[in-house]
Structure formats: structure tokens, C-alpha cells
């Protein structure tokens, strides 16, 4: 994997190169060509700095927005490492921010879904991250730090800069424990209803004479 070079590193390299070139005698045309090359590198470095500042603005805005979410949210870098979890993530999962940021995807998945399923799920996330695809409402079982499992709907989408380049991926996990409980209750009521005799299901229960007398 190619490692990104920061603006500060480029500036440092240019200063060191200038210092080294001053100690070497060279023809005027060579010195001119070298100076033009250095100026070109400086220009590219300044453009790099602008991009870094833009990315930092996007990150700050995104993280400030996500802090207000009541559902667990986390961000992934393009190198598959975790760079942010919101306060709802800490509260629901029981994992502190400092325990998660910097984790590889495999390490992070082992924390939130368990070591058994972590490798397979991490591989799927890596493929999606590279493709830039969006995932919506995928059922998944998460696990707290105390290994208490609960069902979620997992959604993920890429975050892009103003040039359309993917910089990060944002993922959210919506707890659907209550929804699953209500579904189970509804299924139970439906099953009981099917066991009733046909006339009870198709006809309303007849009213008593006393009730009929008091109807307007």
C-alpha cells in the first residue's frame, strides 16, 4: 500500500534538497531546470495542503454531526482502520472511544460482533469499502463489551470530498430489539387466532341482551 505524504513532509524534503543543491556546482541551464522543478513541486505541495485542509473540514463537520445521533455510528479510513466512534456507540456497546480508534477492521469487528464472525464480516466490509457501494438496513447481530447480543440494522455509505473521491465510510447500527419483540408478539397472536374455530375468526362475538338495551 502506498503511504500518503503530507504537506509538511514535502516542504521538509524541498528544504533539504535546496540545501544539498547549493553545495554542488552546476551549469546555469541545469540550475534553471532544477529551480523550475522545485517551484513545480512547491505548487503541487500547496495544492496538497488545500486538499488536506478540505478533508479535515469534512471530517470535523461529519464527526460533530454524528455526535448528535442516538444510534451507534463509526467511521472507517480507506486503509480499513477505525478513526471515529460516536458517544452513542460508547454508551450502547460499552467500548470506550480510545479502545476502538486505530483498530484494524478485524480487531474492531471482534469487539462488536465476536471473534467467530469477525473475519468473514471484515472481508465483506473491505470489499464494499473499495467499491464505494452503499449498504442499507442489513440485519446483523452486535455484541456489547459484556458479550450481550442484540439485533441491529446495519447501514453504510461512503463519504466523498468535493472532487468525488472517497475519503471515509460512515456506518450506523440501529437497535431493533423492540421491533423484534413486537414482531414475536404479533406472530404469537396470529398463531393463536388461527387455532380458534372458524366462526370466531369470521364473525363478531354476539352482544348480550343487556348491552343491546343500553345502545342509543
Protein backbone atom coordinates (compact mmCIF):
# COMPACT_ATOMS: atom_id res chain seq x y z
CA UNK A 1 0.00 0.00 0.00
CA UNK A 2 1.33 3.43 -0.96
CA UNK A 3 1.69 5.68 2.07
CA UNK A 4 0.28 9.20 1.73
CA UNK A 5 2.76 12.09 2.06
CA UNK A 6 1.71 15.18 3.99
CA UNK A 7 2.32 18.80 3.01
CA UNK A 8 4.78 19.22 5.89
CA UNK A 9 6.84 16.25 4.69
CA UNK A 10 7.03 17.67 1.15
CA UNK A 11 8.12 21.07 2.46
CA UNK A 12 10.81 19.44 4.57
CA UNK A 13 12.11 17.46 1.58
CA UNK A 14 12.25 20.61 -0.57
CA UNK A 15 14.27 22.48 2.07
CA UNK A 16 16.72 19.60 2.37
CA UNK A 17 17.04 19.33 -1.42
CA UNK A 18 17.70 23.07 -1.75
CA UNK A 19 20.38 22.87 0.91
CA UNK A 20 22.09 19.96 -0.82
CA UNK A 21 21.95 21.56 -4.29
CA UNK A 22 23.60 24.76 -3.09
CA UNK A 23 26.78 22.82 -2.34
CA UNK A 24 27.01 21.49 -5.93
CA UNK A 25 28.39 23.49 -8.86
CA UNK A 26 26.20 23.21 -11.94
CA UNK A 27 25.71 24.96 -15.31
CA UNK A 28 23.12 27.81 -15.39
CA UNK A 29 20.72 25.82 -17.59
CA UNK A 30 20.81 22.91 -15.16
CA UNK A 31 20.22 25.20 -12.20
CA UNK A 32 17.30 26.81 -14.04
CA UNK A 33 15.74 23.43 -14.77
CA UNK A 34 16.17 22.36 -11.16
CA UNK A 35 14.63 25.59 -9.88
CA UNK A 36 11.64 25.15 -12.22
CA UNK A 37 11.22 21.62 -10.95
CA UNK A 38 11.35 22.78 -7.33
CA UNK A 39 8.77 25.50 -7.99
CA UNK A 40 6.50 22.94 -9.60
CA UNK A 41 6.83 20.66 -6.57
CA UNK A 42 6.09 23.61 -4.28
CA UNK A 43 2.93 24.36 -6.24
CA UNK A 44 1.81 20.74 -6.01
CA UNK A 45 2.59 20.78 -2.29
CA UNK A 46 0.40 23.86 -1.81
CA UNK A 47 -2.43 22.10 -3.65
CA UNK A 48 -1.90 19.09 -1.41
CA UNK A 49 -2.21 21.34 1.63
CA UNK A 50 -5.53 22.70 0.36
CA UNK A 51 -6.83 19.16 -0.09
CA UNK A 52 -5.69 18.19 3.41
CA UNK A 53 -7.47 21.22 4.88
CA UNK A 54 -10.64 20.39 2.94
CA UNK A 55 -10.58 16.78 4.13
CA UNK A 56 -10.04 17.94 7.72
CA UNK A 57 -13.05 20.27 7.44
CA UNK A 58 -15.20 17.42 6.15
CA UNK A 59 -14.04 15.16 8.97
CA UNK A 60 -14.73 17.76 11.65
CA UNK A 61 -18.16 18.57 10.25
CA UNK A 62 -19.05 14.89 9.92
CA UNK A 63 -17.92 14.00 13.43
CA UNK A 64 -19.68 16.99 15.00
CA UNK A 65 -22.89 15.97 13.23
CA UNK A 66 -22.61 12.30 14.21
CA UNK A 67 -22.18 13.13 17.89
CA UNK A 68 -25.85 14.08 17.95
CA UNK A 69 -27.02 10.67 16.71
CA UNK A 70 -28.74 8.41 19.25
CA UNK A 71 -27.63 5.25 17.40
CA UNK A 72 -24.07 3.86 17.34
CA UNK A 73 -22.05 5.31 14.45
CA UNK A 74 -18.43 4.75 13.43
CA UNK A 75 -16.11 5.85 10.61
CA UNK A 76 -13.60 3.80 8.65
CA UNK A 77 -10.50 5.03 6.84
CA UNK A 78 -9.63 3.76 3.37
CA UNK A 79 -6.91 1.61 4.98
CA UNK A 80 -9.69 -0.30 6.81
CA UNK A 81 -8.92 1.20 10.22
CA UNK A 82 -11.39 2.84 12.59
CA UNK A 83 -10.94 6.60 13.07
CA UNK A 84 -14.09 7.58 14.99
CA UNK A 85 -16.96 6.26 17.11
CA UNK A 86 -19.70 8.48 18.49
CA UNK A 87 -20.82 8.77 22.10
CA UNK A 88 -23.90 6.58 21.43
CA UNK A 89 -21.53 3.80 20.34
CA UNK A 90 -19.68 4.06 23.67
CA UNK A 91 -22.95 4.06 25.62
CA UNK A 92 -24.62 1.15 23.79
CA UNK A 93 -21.61 -1.11 23.18
CA UNK A 94 -19.71 -0.28 26.37
CA UNK A 95 -16.43 0.23 24.46
CA UNK A 96 -14.53 3.45 25.04
CA UNK A 97 -13.50 5.57 22.10
CA UNK A 98 -9.81 5.16 22.83
CA UNK A 99 -10.27 1.36 22.78
CA UNK A 100 -11.57 1.46 19.21
CA UNK A 101 -9.87 4.28 17.30
CA UNK A 102 -6.87 2.95 15.40
CA UNK A 103 -8.16 -0.65 15.46
CA UNK A 104 -7.84 -2.67 12.29
CA UNK A 105 -11.17 -3.77 10.87
CA UNK A 106 -10.65 -7.33 12.15
CA UNK A 107 -9.86 -6.11 15.68
CA UNK A 108 -12.87 -3.81 15.69
CA UNK A 109 -15.28 -6.43 14.37
CA UNK A 110 -14.09 -8.88 17.02
CA UNK A 111 -15.15 -6.29 19.63
CA UNK A 112 -18.64 -5.63 18.27
CA UNK A 113 -19.78 -8.94 16.75
CA UNK A 114 -17.43 -11.51 18.30
CA UNK A 115 -14.25 -13.19 17.14
CA UNK A 116 -16.00 -16.07 15.36
CA UNK A 117 -17.78 -13.95 12.73
CA UNK A 118 -15.26 -11.08 12.60
CA UNK A 119 -13.02 -12.33 9.71
CA UNK A 120 -15.89 -13.01 7.29
CA UNK A 121 -17.71 -9.75 8.08
CA UNK A 122 -14.49 -7.73 7.90
CA UNK A 123 -13.75 -9.16 4.45
CA UNK A 124 -17.21 -8.13 3.22
CA UNK A 125 -16.74 -4.61 4.58
CA UNK A 126 -13.34 -4.27 2.87
CA UNK A 127 -14.80 -5.25 -0.49
CA UNK A 128 -17.65 -2.79 -0.12
CA UNK A 129 -15.30 -0.02 1.00
CA UNK A 130 -13.15 -0.46 -2.11
CA UNK A 131 -16.18 -0.48 -4.40
CA UNK A 132 -17.78 2.58 -2.85
CA UNK A 133 -21.14 0.83 -2.66
CA UNK A 134 -23.87 1.68 -0.16
CA UNK A 135 -25.38 -0.88 2.21
CA UNK A 136 -28.84 -0.26 3.66
CA UNK A 137 -30.63 -1.97 6.55
CA UNK A 138 -28.64 -5.22 6.57
CA UNK A 139 -29.60 -7.46 9.54
CA UNK A 140 -26.69 -8.14 11.88
CA UNK A 141 -26.18 -9.20 15.48
CA UNK A 142 -23.96 -6.94 17.57
CA UNK A 143 -22.38 -7.71 20.92
CA UNK A 144 -21.62 -5.42 23.84
CA UNK A 145 -18.35 -5.46 25.74
CA UNK A 146 -20.02 -7.83 28.22
CA UNK A 147 -20.98 -10.07 25.25
CA UNK A 148 -24.70 -9.31 25.42
CA UNK A 149 -26.05 -9.77 21.89
CA UNK A 150 -28.77 -7.67 20.26
CA UNK A 151 -30.10 -7.36 16.68
CA UNK A 152 -29.41 -4.28 14.55
CA UNK A 153 -29.98 -2.97 11.05
CA UNK A 154 -26.57 -2.13 9.63
CA UNK A 155 -26.19 0.70 7.09
CA UNK A 156 -23.04 2.06 5.45
CA UNK A 157 -22.25 4.76 2.91
CA UNK A 158 -19.07 6.38 1.52
CA UNK A 159 -18.08 9.94 2.41
CA UNK A 160 -16.66 11.90 -0.54
CA UNK A 161 -14.70 15.12 -0.91
CA UNK A 162 -15.69 17.95 -3.28
CA UNK A 163 -13.96 16.12 -6.15
CA UNK A 164 -15.94 12.93 -5.66
CA UNK A 165 -13.09 10.97 -4.11
CA UNK A 166 -13.99 8.61 -1.27
CA UNK A 167 -12.29 9.69 1.96
CA UNK A 168 -14.08 7.58 4.58
CA UNK A 169 -17.06 5.34 5.17
CA UNK A 170 -19.77 6.01 7.74
CA UNK A 171 -21.59 3.08 9.35
CA UNK A 172 -24.56 3.05 11.70
CA UNK A 173 -26.23 0.28 13.69
CA UNK A 174 -29.89 0.74 14.66
CA UNK A 175 -31.00 -1.42 17.59
CA UNK A 176 -34.17 -3.31 16.60
CA UNK A 177 -34.60 -5.33 19.79
CA UNK A 178 -38.00 -3.74 20.49
CA UNK A 179 -39.11 -4.26 16.89
CA UNK A 180 -38.20 -7.94 17.06
CA UNK A 181 -40.10 -8.28 20.36
CA UNK A 182 -43.24 -6.74 18.87
CA UNK A 183 -42.92 -8.96 15.79
CA UNK A 184 -42.75 -12.03 18.04
CA UNK A 185 -45.87 -10.89 19.93
CA UNK A 186 -47.73 -10.29 16.68
CA UNK A 187 -46.75 -13.72 15.34
CA UNK A 188 -47.89 -15.33 18.59
CA UNK A 189 -51.29 -13.58 18.41
CA UNK A 190 -51.63 -14.59 14.76
CA UNK A 191 -50.85 -18.22 15.60
CA UNK A 192 -53.42 -18.22 18.43
CA UNK A 193 -56.02 -16.68 16.15
CA UNK A 194 -55.53 -19.44 13.59
CA UNK A 195 -56.23 -22.08 16.25
CA UNK A 196 -59.68 -20.61 17.02
CA UNK A 197 -62.81 -22.16 15.44
CA UNK A 198 -63.69 -20.64 12.07
CA UNK A 199 -66.90 -18.92 13.28
CA UNK A 200 -64.94 -16.94 15.90
CA UNK A 201 -62.48 -15.67 13.31
CA UNK A 202 -65.07 -14.72 10.66
CA UNK A 203 -67.97 -13.42 12.81
CA UNK A 204 -68.01 -10.92 15.67
CA UNK A 205 -68.99 -12.22 19.08
CA UNK A 206 -72.75 -11.65 19.67
CA UNK A 207 -73.62 -8.94 22.16
CA UNK A 208 -75.55 -9.69 25.32
CA UNK A 209 -79.16 -8.50 25.59
CA UNK A 210 -78.18 -6.08 28.36
CA UNK A 211 -75.71 -4.32 26.10
CA UNK A 212 -78.28 -4.10 23.31
CA UNK A 213 -80.83 -2.46 25.63
CA UNK A 214 -78.49 0.40 26.51
CA UNK A 215 -77.44 1.21 22.93
CA UNK A 216 -78.90 4.54 21.68
